[in-house]
């Protein structure tokens, strides 16, 4: 008898916990496949510490292969789900497609940045959903402080050292708290003009900071932020974003080069393509996390509307604590449905409290309902994170210790450019690469005046109105017109990659160089430089293989003995060939048929999924 096939989509809090629990429950009696665009589980609650230079990026990532040895990992993103045929189609990181068959499917695709119909936000703001966005924000803030220190104009210096964070939930509060400490440490090394210091502004339409928490913890966080120098403005938000600053809802214009978007999250638009009952953009499930009428389909985490049995008539919020617990219950019920576990059980929960890290020894926490602040709250917060992380505990603790005794390293690595992390993306965990095969088609118009996103304005911004799932900005949601998606099967959506969209265009794809700081080497029509996976010559162009651009690689074909290809530095320009294209600016993508250069984005924003609970 063949073993049942279980496919899990997404390796966030819900997907990772489901895979780990199923591996233990089935004990080799089932084939478990985990589909995820990255090979790691990201511990999102510690991302603000990565952006502030407290933790190194790999500290908040946990290898899926190392911690899930009995689970098959498939790198890619789900494009289309055929519910009747029980197959899932996906696109891999190098543009190749694949199909997975299943007997049970667990949807745990997570969430993406929530957008509002505010002119200019998608162009000049960034999210905080993934590691690339945290790395970009760290570089961007460092660069602004260094440029401000060298600026002679006081107005320019003040604008570069003003950082605006929209959203005073968990993520926004932590980003502002850690950011103020980070920039204050930097200006001690790079003093600004006399009387100037970095200025962080935290905005929210809510009446208080951390409205999800009780009044005591909210007032504690507010007090710590203000003492640290953060300009906290409640009942205020952004009316319009421009390249030089933001217009606030009270009419004030704040000159800034940094806009961090932390207003919340919305479910991954993949679930909308299924044509199943939804609740504010989330897939409706029963208390057992099973989709009604589909015994083979389970959903958990941010994409699932799970009935809250503790509060009849409501659904569990989109928080990390619920996603983690959803994953365990969903896995147990999947195993039970296959006869590999005990009885099915509904999802019930009891809040154990929340923790918010405010940087240094400061935090706000209410473990088991006991309100704490100051050093005790800081100790509880860090203890909780160490206990909750599925790996890297010693490394994280070591980084915290080093941060307490050594100054932080504020350097620009330049690994992630602003155009690599657009605010409106269905894959915030993956940085966009010029001509990359897996990136979604970018719409020509972003969120200028009038380019509102109805998905984030109807029914609380969860995508239940007309055009649901669409976000203002550069790429429509899956399954929506103009998104490079075609509907097929039972209401499912199939995404076409940029590589496919480039076929048939004059010139095909641009050469695969990343981050495209140099033009492609080699004569046009001949060999092309390769610096990324699967960057083949564009179809329809003459020429053979791409030149291997690695030390010790083979010389380009048809070149004598390893001499540099003509038109490379030191070589003679190729005859009858045009000169190489000029080098594009560092903060813009290279020109090409797949990615159109857009305005330079100024900063990153965060999502507002609740952080860890104690």
Protein backbone atom coordinates (compact mmCIF):
# COMPACT_ATOMS: atom_id res chain seq x y z
CA UNK A 1 0.00 0.00 0.00
CA UNK A 2 1.43 3.37 -1.03
CA UNK A 3 1.96 6.04 1.56
CA UNK A 4 -0.38 9.07 1.50
CA UNK A 5 1.00 12.31 0.09
CA UNK A 6 0.77 15.49 2.18
CA UNK A 7 1.72 18.86 0.68
CA UNK A 8 2.18 21.96 2.84
CA UNK A 9 2.29 25.39 1.16
CA UNK A 10 4.36 27.92 3.11
CA UNK A 11 6.94 27.61 5.89
CA UNK A 12 5.95 30.48 8.13
CA UNK A 13 4.79 29.98 11.70
CA UNK A 14 1.81 27.83 10.70
CA UNK A 15 3.44 25.88 7.87
CA UNK A 16 6.66 25.14 9.73
CA UNK A 17 4.81 23.96 12.84
CA UNK A 18 2.50 21.80 10.71
CA UNK A 19 5.45 20.16 8.93
CA UNK A 20 7.29 19.49 12.16
CA UNK A 21 4.21 18.07 13.90
CA UNK A 22 3.23 15.90 10.93
CA UNK A 23 6.74 14.50 10.70
CA UNK A 24 6.51 13.38 14.31
CA UNK A 25 2.94 12.14 14.03
CA UNK A 26 3.31 10.05 10.87
CA UNK A 27 6.80 8.65 11.61
CA UNK A 28 7.59 7.86 8.01
CA UNK A 29 4.12 6.52 7.14
CA UNK A 30 3.39 9.46 4.80
CA UNK A 31 5.22 11.47 2.14
CA UNK A 32 5.40 15.05 3.44
CA UNK A 33 6.37 17.82 1.00
CA UNK A 34 6.91 21.44 2.01
CA UNK A 35 6.71 24.09 -0.72
CA UNK A 36 8.36 27.40 0.16
CA UNK A 37 10.22 30.13 -1.77
CA UNK A 38 13.15 30.07 0.69
CA UNK A 39 15.03 27.27 2.41
CA UNK A 40 14.54 28.73 5.88
CA UNK A 41 11.90 29.52 8.46
CA UNK A 42 12.03 33.21 9.38
CA UNK A 43 11.48 34.21 12.98
CA UNK A 44 9.73 37.49 12.17
CA UNK A 45 9.51 38.95 15.73
CA UNK A 46 13.27 39.56 15.74
CA UNK A 47 13.43 41.31 12.35
CA UNK A 48 13.54 44.81 13.94
CA UNK A 49 16.74 43.76 15.69
CA UNK A 50 18.22 42.76 12.35
CA UNK A 51 17.36 46.17 10.89
CA UNK A 52 18.92 47.88 13.93
CA UNK A 53 22.16 45.93 13.75
CA UNK A 54 21.62 43.95 16.96
CA UNK A 55 21.39 40.54 15.27
CA UNK A 56 23.05 39.23 12.17
CA UNK A 57 20.55 38.16 9.45
CA UNK A 58 21.17 34.43 9.68
CA UNK A 59 20.40 34.44 13.39
CA UNK A 60 16.67 34.82 12.72
CA UNK A 61 16.56 32.08 10.06
CA UNK A 62 16.24 28.37 10.77
CA UNK A 63 17.21 25.85 8.09
CA UNK A 64 14.24 23.79 6.93
CA UNK A 65 16.34 20.87 5.75
CA UNK A 66 18.29 20.62 9.02
CA UNK A 67 15.29 20.87 11.34
CA UNK A 68 12.81 18.89 9.20
CA UNK A 69 14.89 15.87 8.11
CA UNK A 70 11.88 13.70 7.21
CA UNK A 71 10.19 16.40 5.11
CA UNK A 72 10.93 16.90 1.43
CA UNK A 73 11.64 20.57 0.70
CA UNK A 74 10.65 21.97 -2.69
CA UNK A 75 11.73 25.54 -3.44
CA UNK A 76 9.09 27.51 -5.29
CA UNK A 77 5.82 29.42 -5.16
CA UNK A 78 2.38 27.97 -5.75
CA UNK A 79 0.76 29.28 -8.93
CA UNK A 80 -2.33 27.15 -9.49
CA UNK A 81 -4.24 24.59 -7.46
CA UNK A 82 -6.50 22.10 -9.21
CA UNK A 83 -8.83 21.10 -6.39
CA UNK A 84 -10.65 18.45 -8.41
CA UNK A 85 -7.46 16.88 -9.74
CA UNK A 86 -5.67 17.27 -6.39
CA UNK A 87 -2.59 18.77 -7.99
CA UNK A 88 -0.62 21.91 -7.25
CA UNK A 89 1.42 23.73 -9.88
CA UNK A 90 4.36 25.86 -8.82
CA UNK A 91 7.24 27.91 -10.21
CA UNK A 92 10.75 27.29 -8.95
CA UNK A 93 13.38 29.94 -8.17
CA UNK A 94 15.00 29.51 -11.61
CA UNK A 95 11.77 29.78 -13.57
CA UNK A 96 11.15 26.08 -14.05
CA UNK A 97 7.66 24.81 -13.30
CA UNK A 98 6.56 21.71 -11.47
CA UNK A 99 3.52 19.81 -10.26
CA UNK A 100 2.85 18.20 -6.90
CA UNK A 101 0.07 15.66 -6.36
CA UNK A 102 -1.46 15.32 -2.94
CA UNK A 103 -3.94 13.39 -0.84
CA UNK A 104 -4.00 16.17 1.77
CA UNK A 105 -3.16 19.82 1.19
CA UNK A 106 -2.35 22.29 3.98
CA UNK A 107 -2.48 25.94 2.93
CA UNK A 108 -0.28 28.12 5.13
CA UNK A 109 0.85 30.72 2.61
CA UNK A 110 0.93 33.56 5.15
CA UNK A 111 0.35 37.23 4.42
CA UNK A 112 1.67 40.22 2.49
CA UNK A 113 1.80 43.95 3.14
CA UNK A 114 -1.51 45.71 3.51
CA UNK A 115 -1.84 48.81 1.35
CA UNK A 116 -4.17 51.77 1.50
CA UNK A 117 -5.25 54.11 -1.33
CA UNK A 118 -2.75 56.80 -0.40
CA UNK A 119 -1.01 58.49 -3.34
CA UNK A 120 2.72 57.80 -3.53
CA UNK A 121 2.93 55.19 -0.80
CA UNK A 122 3.69 52.24 -3.07
CA UNK A 123 6.38 54.31 -4.78
CA UNK A 124 8.18 55.73 -1.77
CA UNK A 125 7.58 53.28 1.08
CA UNK A 126 8.73 49.76 1.89
CA UNK A 127 7.32 46.89 3.89
CA UNK A 128 8.81 44.82 6.69
CA UNK A 129 7.63 41.30 5.94
CA UNK A 130 10.91 39.63 5.04
CA UNK A 131 14.63 39.53 5.54
CA UNK A 132 15.44 41.48 2.33
CA UNK A 133 13.36 44.41 3.57
CA UNK A 134 15.10 44.41 6.95
CA UNK A 135 18.52 44.36 5.27
CA UNK A 136 17.52 47.18 2.96
CA UNK A 137 16.24 49.33 5.83
CA UNK A 138 19.46 48.77 7.77
CA UNK A 139 21.56 49.93 4.80
CA UNK A 140 19.22 52.79 3.95
CA UNK A 141 19.18 54.24 7.48
CA UNK A 142 22.96 53.93 7.73
CA UNK A 143 23.38 55.70 4.39
CA UNK A 144 21.04 58.55 5.31
CA UNK A 145 22.90 59.25 8.56
CA UNK A 146 26.26 59.21 6.79
CA UNK A 147 25.01 61.53 4.03
CA UNK A 148 23.45 63.83 6.61
CA UNK A 149 26.74 64.06 8.50
CA UNK A 150 28.48 65.20 5.31
CA UNK A 151 25.72 67.58 4.16
CA UNK A 152 26.41 71.30 4.32
CA UNK A 153 22.78 72.35 3.97
CA UNK A 154 20.93 72.17 7.33
CA UNK A 155 17.64 71.50 5.55
CA UNK A 156 19.04 68.51 3.69
CA UNK A 157 20.67 67.19 6.85
CA UNK A 158 17.38 67.38 8.76
CA UNK A 159 15.43 65.64 5.97
CA UNK A 160 17.89 62.75 5.74
CA UNK A 161 17.80 62.25 9.49
CA UNK A 162 14.01 62.19 9.72
CA UNK A 163 12.47 58.71 9.63
CA UNK A 164 8.70 58.24 9.44
CA UNK A 165 7.07 54.99 10.60
CA UNK A 166 3.37 54.49 9.86
CA UNK A 167 1.57 52.06 12.16
CA UNK A 168 1.96 51.86 15.94
CA UNK A 169 1.25 48.16 16.28
CA UNK A 170 3.85 45.59 17.29
CA UNK A 171 6.12 45.95 14.29
CA UNK A 172 5.97 49.72 13.93
CA UNK A 173 6.53 50.31 17.63
CA UNK A 174 9.56 48.03 17.71
CA UNK A 175 11.02 49.47 14.50
CA UNK A 176 10.74 53.02 15.87
CA UNK A 177 12.16 52.07 19.27
CA UNK A 178 15.14 50.16 17.86
CA UNK A 179 15.65 52.67 15.06
CA UNK A 180 16.04 55.62 17.42
CA UNK A 181 18.70 53.75 19.41
CA UNK A 182 20.48 52.68 16.21
CA UNK A 183 20.71 56.18 14.73
CA UNK A 184 21.66 57.77 18.05
CA UNK A 185 24.61 55.35 18.24
CA UNK A 186 25.58 56.26 14.68
CA UNK A 187 25.66 60.02 15.24
CA UNK A 188 28.06 59.53 18.11
CA UNK A 189 30.52 58.35 15.46
CA UNK A 190 29.34 60.73 12.70
CA UNK A 191 28.21 63.91 14.50
CA UNK A 192 25.57 65.95 12.73
CA UNK A 193 25.39 69.72 12.54
CA UNK A 194 25.30 71.40 15.90
CA UNK A 195 21.96 70.97 17.62
CA UNK A 196 20.69 68.23 15.29
CA UNK A 197 19.88 64.63 16.12
CA UNK A 198 18.03 61.85 14.29
CA UNK A 199 14.26 62.20 14.46
CA UNK A 200 11.91 59.22 14.35
CA UNK A 201 8.18 59.89 13.93
CA UNK A 202 5.62 57.19 14.75
CA UNK A 203 2.16 57.73 13.23
CA UNK A 204 -1.13 55.90 13.66
CA UNK A 205 -4.81 56.72 13.36
CA UNK A 206 -5.43 54.76 16.57
CA UNK A 207 -5.84 56.72 19.79
CA UNK A 208 -2.83 55.05 21.47
CA UNK A 209 0.29 53.03 20.84
CA UNK A 210 -0.21 49.25 20.73
CA UNK A 211 -4.02 49.41 20.66
CA UNK A 212 -4.14 45.58 20.71
CA UNK A 213 -2.69 45.49 24.23
CA UNK A 214 -4.14 46.64 27.53
CA UNK A 215 -3.80 50.23 28.65
CA UNK A 216 -0.91 49.64 31.06
CA UNK A 217 1.36 48.10 28.44
CA UNK A 218 0.35 50.72 25.90
CA UNK A 219 1.24 53.57 28.27
CA UNK A 220 4.54 51.85 29.13
CA UNK A 221 5.53 51.64 25.47
CA UNK A 222 4.43 55.22 24.84
CA UNK A 223 6.49 56.48 27.77
CA UNK A 224 9.64 54.59 26.68
CA UNK A 225 9.34 55.86 23.11
CA UNK A 226 8.92 59.47 24.15
CA UNK A 227 11.79 59.29 26.67
CA UNK A 228 14.01 57.93 23.92
CA UNK A 229 13.12 60.84 21.66
CA UNK A 230 10.56 59.28 19.31
CA UNK A 231 7.91 61.75 18.12
CA UNK A 232 4.70 59.79 18.78
CA UNK A 233 1.63 61.16 17.01
CA UNK A 234 -1.63 59.32 17.48
CA UNK A 235 -4.71 60.10 15.42
CA UNK A 236 -2.45 61.10 12.53
CA UNK A 237 -1.40 59.31 9.37
CA UNK A 238 -0.01 59.97 5.89
CA UNK A 239 -2.18 61.74 3.33
CA UNK A 240 0.34 61.65 0.48
CA UNK A 241 3.93 60.52 -0.04
CA UNK A 242 6.35 62.37 -2.32
CA UNK A 243 10.05 61.95 -3.17
CA UNK A 244 10.90 64.73 -0.71
CA UNK A 245 8.63 63.88 2.19
CA UNK A 246 5.11 63.09 3.35
CA UNK A 247 1.96 65.14 3.79
CA UNK A 248 0.24 64.26 7.04
CA UNK A 249 -3.51 64.16 7.56
CA UNK A 250 -3.27 67.26 9.74
CA UNK A 251 -1.79 69.19 6.79
CA UNK A 252 1.84 69.26 7.94
CA UNK A 253 4.54 68.43 5.40
CA UNK A 254 7.45 66.43 6.86
CA UNK A 255 10.62 66.38 4.80
CA UNK A 256 12.09 62.89 4.88
CA UNK A 257 13.81 60.28 2.74
CA UNK A 258 12.46 57.34 4.73
CA UNK A 259 8.90 56.02 4.94
CA UNK A 260 8.41 52.73 6.77
CA UNK A 261 5.00 51.12 6.24
CA UNK A 262 3.72 49.11 9.22
CA UNK A 263 -0.05 49.40 8.91
CA UNK A 264 -0.81 45.70 8.86
CA UNK A 265 -1.03 42.65 6.64
CA UNK A 266 -3.50 40.94 4.33
CA UNK A 267 -3.75 37.24 3.42
CA UNK A 268 -1.68 35.93 0.54
CA UNK A 269 -3.82 36.42 -2.61
CA UNK A 270 -3.26 32.77 -3.64
CA UNK A 271 -6.33 31.65 -1.69
CA UNK A 272 -8.61 33.99 -3.64
CA UNK A 273 -8.01 31.99 -6.82
CA UNK A 274 -9.62 28.88 -5.34
CA UNK A 275 -13.18 30.14 -5.68
CA UNK A 276 -14.08 28.95 -2.18
CA UNK A 277 -16.00 30.84 0.53
CA UNK A 278 -13.96 33.67 2.04
CA UNK A 279 -14.19 35.90 5.08
CA UNK A 280 -12.42 39.25 4.64
CA UNK A 281 -9.82 37.79 2.30
CA UNK A 282 -9.28 34.63 4.36
CA UNK A 283 -10.38 31.10 3.52
CA UNK A 284 -13.28 29.95 5.65
CA UNK A 285 -12.54 26.79 7.66
CA UNK A 286 -14.33 24.90 10.42
CA UNK A 287 -12.96 24.64 13.98
CA UNK A 288 -10.90 21.61 12.84
CA UNK A 289 -9.15 23.90 10.30
CA UNK A 290 -10.69 21.93 7.43
CA UNK A 291 -12.36 23.64 4.46
CA UNK A 292 -16.07 22.69 4.41
CA UNK A 293 -16.92 20.40 1.51
CA UNK A 294 -13.24 19.66 0.85
CA UNK A 295 -12.09 16.86 3.16
CA UNK A 296 -8.61 16.90 1.59
CA UNK A 297 -8.03 20.64 2.12
CA UNK A 298 -6.87 22.30 5.36
CA UNK A 299 -5.84 25.90 5.96
CA UNK A 300 -4.11 27.61 8.87
CA UNK A 301 -2.28 30.80 9.74
CA UNK A 302 -3.01 34.16 8.17
CA UNK A 303 -4.83 32.73 5.13
CA UNK A 304 -7.46 30.96 7.27
CA UNK A 305 -10.53 32.44 8.95
CA UNK A 306 -10.63 30.16 12.00
CA UNK A 307 -13.67 30.43 14.29
CA UNK A 308 -12.73 31.67 17.73
CA UNK A 309 -14.51 29.27 20.09
CA UNK A 310 -13.62 31.52 23.03
CA UNK A 311 -15.47 34.42 21.35
CA UNK A 312 -18.42 33.00 19.40
CA UNK A 313 -19.12 34.81 16.16
CA UNK A 314 -15.58 36.06 15.67
CA UNK A 315 -12.40 34.70 14.10
CA UNK A 316 -8.91 34.38 15.50
CA UNK A 317 -6.72 37.38 14.61
CA UNK A 318 -3.79 37.21 12.19
CA UNK A 319 -1.02 36.92 14.77
CA UNK A 320 2.10 34.84 15.13
CA UNK A 321 0.81 33.15 18.29
CA UNK A 322 -2.33 31.89 16.57
CA UNK A 323 -0.47 30.81 13.43
CA UNK A 324 1.97 28.74 15.51
CA UNK A 325 -0.88 27.00 17.32
CA UNK A 326 -2.93 26.59 14.13
CA UNK A 327 -0.08 24.63 12.59
CA UNK A 328 0.00 22.08 15.37
CA UNK A 329 -3.77 21.48 15.39
CA UNK A 330 -3.96 21.33 11.60
CA UNK A 331 -1.18 18.73 11.49
CA UNK A 332 -2.84 16.56 14.12
CA UNK A 333 -6.16 16.69 12.26
CA UNK A 334 -4.52 15.88 8.93
CA UNK A 335 -2.87 12.83 10.48
CA UNK A 336 -6.18 11.81 12.06
CA UNK A 337 -7.97 12.11 8.71
CA UNK A 338 -5.49 9.62 7.24
CA UNK A 339 -5.79 7.22 10.15
CA UNK A 340 -2.24 8.01 11.29
CA UNK A 341 -3.10 9.77 14.54
CA UNK A 342 -5.74 10.17 17.21
CA UNK A 343 -9.11 11.84 16.95
CA UNK A 344 -9.70 15.20 15.39
CA UNK A 345 -9.98 18.14 17.73
CA UNK A 346 -11.11 21.75 17.29
CA UNK A 347 -8.80 24.70 17.68
CA UNK A 348 -9.05 26.34 21.09
CA UNK A 349 -6.62 28.76 22.63
CA UNK A 350 -5.90 30.71 25.74
CA UNK A 351 -3.86 33.89 25.54
CA UNK A 352 -0.71 33.65 27.61
CA UNK A 353 0.15 37.29 27.10
CA UNK A 354 2.25 39.40 24.75
CA UNK A 355 5.75 40.79 24.66
CA UNK A 356 7.07 43.87 22.85
CA UNK A 357 10.82 44.50 22.67
CA UNK A 358 11.59 48.22 22.91
CA UNK A 359 15.36 47.93 22.60
CA UNK A 360 18.11 47.67 25.16
CA UNK A 361 16.74 46.52 28.51
CA UNK A 362 13.33 48.08 27.86
CA UNK A 363 10.22 46.11 26.95
CA UNK A 364 6.52 45.80 27.65
CA UNK A 365 5.07 42.41 28.57
CA UNK A 366 2.08 40.85 30.29
CA UNK A 367 2.89 37.16 30.82
CA UNK A 368 -0.14 35.34 32.24
CA UNK A 369 -1.86 38.71 32.58
CA UNK A 370 0.82 40.26 34.82
CA UNK A 371 1.84 43.66 33.45
CA UNK A 372 5.62 44.20 33.44
CA UNK A 373 7.91 46.98 32.29
CA UNK A 374 11.58 47.90 32.43
CA UNK A 375 14.28 45.30 33.05
CA UNK A 376 11.91 42.50 34.21
CA UNK A 377 9.88 42.89 31.02
CA UNK A 378 13.08 42.88 28.97
CA UNK A 379 14.23 39.65 30.59
CA UNK A 380 10.84 37.98 30.02
CA UNK A 381 10.74 39.16 26.41
CA UNK A 382 14.15 37.81 25.50
CA UNK A 383 13.55 34.62 27.43
CA UNK A 384 10.35 34.06 25.51
CA UNK A 385 12.04 34.58 22.15
CA UNK A 386 14.81 32.13 23.01
CA UNK A 387 12.25 29.54 24.07
CA UNK A 388 10.02 30.09 21.01
CA UNK A 389 12.75 29.95 18.37
CA UNK A 390 13.15 26.46 16.86
CA UNK A 391 16.90 26.97 16.42
CA UNK A 392 19.88 29.35 16.68
CA UNK A 393 19.26 30.03 20.36
CA UNK A 394 22.94 30.08 21.34
CA UNK A 395 23.88 32.32 18.42
CA UNK A 396 21.07 34.77 19.21
CA UNK A 397 22.06 34.90 22.89
CA UNK A 398 25.70 35.46 21.88
CA UNK A 399 24.73 38.38 19.64
CA UNK A 400 22.72 39.93 22.45
CA UNK A 401 25.72 39.63 24.76
CA UNK A 402 28.08 41.16 22.21
CA UNK A 403 25.66 44.01 21.59
CA UNK A 404 25.64 44.76 25.30
CA UNK A 405 29.42 45.13 25.53
CA UNK A 406 30.55 46.20 22.04
CA UNK A 407 29.47 49.06 19.74
CA UNK A 408 27.32 48.13 16.79
CA UNK A 409 28.75 47.92 13.29
CA UNK A 410 27.00 50.48 11.10
CA UNK A 411 28.13 49.72 7.56
CA UNK A 412 26.36 49.53 4.21
CA UNK A 413 26.58 46.11 2.62
CA UNK A 414 24.65 47.21 -0.46
CA UNK A 415 23.20 43.74 -1.03
CA UNK A 416 19.57 44.88 -1.40
CA UNK A 417 18.50 47.88 -3.46
CA UNK A 418 15.24 49.76 -2.99
CA UNK A 419 13.74 48.45 -6.25
CA UNK A 420 14.44 44.90 -5.06
CA UNK A 421 11.91 45.19 -2.23
CA UNK A 422 8.77 46.90 -3.58
CA UNK A 423 6.00 47.50 -1.10
CA UNK A 424 3.37 45.77 -3.21
CA UNK A 425 4.64 42.24 -3.70
CA UNK A 426 3.19 38.80 -3.17
CA UNK A 427 6.66 37.51 -2.19
CA UNK A 428 8.12 39.84 0.46
CA UNK A 429 10.51 37.12 1.59
CA UNK A 430 12.35 37.15 -1.76
CA UNK A 431 14.28 40.14 -3.11
CA UNK A 432 13.43 41.06 -6.68
CA UNK A 433 16.25 40.38 -9.15
CA UNK A 434 16.59 42.11 -12.54
CA UNK A 435 15.20 39.75 -15.16
CA UNK A 436 14.68 37.13 -12.48
CA UNK A 437 12.56 34.21 -13.63
CA UNK A 438 10.39 34.03 -10.56
CA UNK A 439 9.40 37.66 -10.18
CA UNK A 440 5.86 38.66 -10.94
CA UNK A 441 5.00 41.07 -13.70
CA UNK A 442 5.18 44.68 -12.58
CA UNK A 443 2.29 46.91 -13.58
CA UNK A 444 3.12 50.10 -15.40
CA UNK A 445 1.28 52.36 -12.98
CA UNK A 446 1.83 52.41 -9.24
CA UNK A 447 -0.13 54.15 -6.56
CA UNK A 448 -0.20 57.67 -7.87
CA UNK A 449 -3.18 59.89 -7.21
CA UNK A 450 -6.35 57.91 -7.83
CA UNK A 451 -4.63 54.53 -8.02
CA UNK A 452 -6.46 53.25 -4.97
CA UNK A 453 -6.51 49.68 -3.89
CA UNK A 454 -10.07 48.64 -3.28
CA UNK A 455 -8.94 45.44 -1.60
CA UNK A 456 -7.54 47.44 1.29
CA UNK A 457 -10.40 49.89 1.62
CA UNK A 458 -13.45 47.60 1.68
CA UNK A 459 -14.37 45.67 4.79
CA UNK A 460 -11.42 46.69 6.84
CA UNK A 461 -8.82 46.35 4.13
CA UNK A 462 -9.05 42.63 3.75
CA UNK A 463 -9.93 42.38 0.11
CA UNK A 464 -13.61 41.57 0.11
CA UNK A 465 -14.81 44.40 -2.09
CA UNK A 466 -14.55 44.73 -5.86
CA UNK A 467 -11.10 43.98 -7.13
CA UNK A 468 -10.32 42.15 -3.91
CA UNK A 469 -6.77 41.14 -3.36
CA UNK A 470 -5.39 43.94 -5.48
CA UNK A 471 -2.86 46.20 -3.87
CA UNK A 472 -1.93 49.66 -4.97
CA UNK A 473 1.32 49.48 -6.73
CA UNK A 474 3.32 47.53 -9.10
CA UNK A 475 1.78 44.07 -9.22
CA UNK A 476 -1.83 42.97 -9.04
CA UNK A 477 -2.86 40.07 -6.91
CA UNK A 478 -2.91 36.54 -8.23
CA UNK A 479 -5.90 35.81 -10.36
CA UNK A 480 -6.67 39.47 -11.08
CA UNK A 481 -6.67 41.10 -14.52
CA UNK A 482 -3.33 42.53 -15.45
CA UNK A 483 -1.39 40.35 -13.07
CA UNK A 484 0.17 38.04 -15.61
CA UNK A 485 -2.18 35.34 -14.32
CA UNK A 486 -4.56 33.15 -16.29
CA UNK A 487 -7.45 31.35 -14.70
CA UNK A 488 -7.73 27.66 -15.36
CA UNK A 489 -9.07 24.54 -13.72
CA UNK A 490 -11.41 25.07 -10.81
CA UNK A 491 -11.00 28.79 -10.40
CA UNK A 492 -7.27 28.54 -9.88
CA UNK A 493 -4.69 30.99 -11.09
CA UNK A 494 -1.53 30.32 -13.01
CA UNK A 495 1.22 32.92 -12.93
CA UNK A 496 3.46 33.62 -15.87
CA UNK A 497 6.98 34.53 -14.92
CA UNK A 498 8.77 37.53 -16.30
CA UNK A 499 10.98 35.18 -18.30
CA UNK A 500 7.89 33.91 -20.11
CA UNK A 501 6.51 37.38 -20.60
CA UNK A 502 9.79 38.46 -22.16
CA UNK A 503 9.60 35.79 -24.87
CA UNK A 504 8.69 37.23 -28.21
CA UNK A 505 9.71 40.77 -27.29
CA UNK A 506 12.44 42.47 -29.23
CA UNK A 507 15.67 41.83 -27.44
CA UNK A 508 14.28 39.18 -25.12
CA UNK A 509 15.61 39.25 -21.57
CA UNK A 510 18.33 41.47 -20.26
CA UNK A 511 21.57 39.78 -19.33
CA UNK A 512 21.37 38.24 -15.89
CA UNK A 513 23.54 40.55 -13.84
CA UNK A 514 22.75 41.35 -10.22
CA UNK A 515 22.55 43.92 -8.85
CA UNK A 516 23.25 45.17 -12.35
CA UNK A 517 25.90 47.69 -11.43
CA UNK A 518 27.71 46.92 -14.70
CA UNK A 519 26.50 46.36 -18.24
CA UNK A 520 26.54 42.80 -19.50
CA UNK A 521 30.01 41.89 -20.69
CA UNK A 522 30.70 40.47 -24.09
CA UNK A 523 29.64 41.58 -27.58
CA UNK A 524 25.96 41.88 -28.23
CA UNK A 525 24.64 38.83 -30.00
CA UNK A 526 27.50 36.75 -28.69
CA UNK A 527 28.10 35.63 -25.15
CA UNK A 528 26.45 37.18 -22.15
CA UNK A 529 27.69 37.49 -18.61
CA UNK A 530 26.17 35.17 -16.07
CA UNK A 531 25.99 36.05 -12.40
CA UNK A 532 22.74 34.49 -11.29
CA UNK A 533 21.17 31.07 -11.57
CA UNK A 534 19.56 30.08 -14.83
CA UNK A 535 20.29 33.33 -16.64
CA UNK A 536 20.25 31.98 -20.16
CA UNK A 537 20.53 34.06 -23.33
CA UNK A 538 17.20 35.47 -24.40
CA UNK A 539 15.41 33.42 -27.01
CA UNK A 540 15.58 34.71 -30.52
CA UNK A 541 19.01 36.27 -30.14
CA UNK A 542 22.02 34.94 -31.98
CA UNK A 543 24.80 33.63 -29.86
CA UNK A 544 25.68 30.60 -27.89
CA UNK A 545 26.28 29.99 -24.22
CA UNK A 546 26.57 32.63 -21.58
CA UNK A 547 30.12 33.35 -20.54
CA UNK A 548 30.85 31.98 -17.12
CA UNK A 549 31.52 34.95 -14.91
CA UNK A 550 33.26 33.14 -12.10
CA UNK A 551 36.95 32.85 -11.24
CA UNK A 552 38.41 29.90 -13.02
CA UNK A 553 35.47 29.58 -15.37
CA UNK A 554 35.86 28.67 -19.01
CA UNK A 555 36.51 31.39 -21.55
CA UNK A 556 33.62 32.33 -23.78
CA UNK A 557 33.25 30.07 -26.77
CA UNK A 558 34.86 31.25 -30.00
CA UNK A 559 37.36 33.32 -28.04
CA UNK A 560 41.02 32.46 -28.51
CA UNK A 561 42.57 30.63 -25.60
CA UNK A 562 41.01 32.46 -22.70
CA UNK A 563 41.54 35.99 -23.99
CA UNK A 564 39.02 38.49 -22.73
CA UNK A 565 35.93 38.69 -24.87
CA UNK A 566 35.88 41.67 -27.11
CA UNK A 567 34.17 44.69 -25.61
CA UNK A 568 35.27 43.61 -22.16
CA UNK A 569 37.66 45.85 -20.24
CA UNK A 570 41.02 45.58 -21.91
CA UNK A 571 39.59 44.08 -25.06
CA UNK A 572 38.88 45.58 -28.47
CA UNK A 573 35.26 46.53 -29.08
CA UNK A 574 33.42 44.01 -31.20
CA UNK A 575 33.14 45.01 -34.81
CA UNK A 576 29.83 46.32 -36.03
CA UNK A 577 28.45 46.16 -32.50
CA UNK A 578 27.06 49.05 -30.48
CA UNK A 579 28.86 50.17 -27.36
CA UNK A 580 27.73 48.73 -24.01
CA UNK A 581 24.84 50.44 -22.31
CA UNK A 582 25.75 53.06 -19.71
CA UNK A 583 25.88 51.97 -16.12
CA UNK A 584 22.52 52.55 -14.35
CA UNK A 585 22.29 54.30 -11.00
CA UNK A 586 22.85 52.07 -7.99
CA UNK A 587 19.33 52.45 -6.66
CA UNK A 588 17.47 51.67 -9.87
CA UNK A 589 17.04 48.44 -11.79
CA UNK A 590 18.80 48.16 -15.14
CA UNK A 591 16.75 48.97 -18.23
CA UNK A 592 15.31 45.94 -19.91
CA UNK A 593 12.09 44.40 -21.17
CA UNK A 594 11.22 42.75 -17.85
CA UNK A 595 11.66 45.52 -15.30
CA UNK A 596 11.05 49.14 -16.08
CA UNK A 597 13.11 51.60 -14.07
CA UNK A 598 10.85 53.28 -11.57
CA UNK A 599 11.26 56.05 -9.06
CA UNK A 600 13.70 55.40 -6.28
CA UNK A 601 11.97 54.07 -3.19
CA UNK A 602 13.03 55.75 -0.02
CA UNK A 603 12.49 53.31 2.79
CA UNK A 604 10.88 50.12 4.01
CA UNK A 605 7.71 49.55 5.89
CA UNK A 606 6.64 46.75 8.10
CA UNK A 607 3.69 44.55 8.43
CA UNK A 608 1.70 44.54 11.58
CA UNK A 609 1.29 40.90 12.38
CA UNK A 610 1.47 40.54 16.11
CA UNK A 611 4.78 39.51 17.50
CA UNK A 612 5.46 36.72 19.87
CA UNK A 613 3.29 36.13 22.85
CA UNK A 614 4.70 34.84 26.03
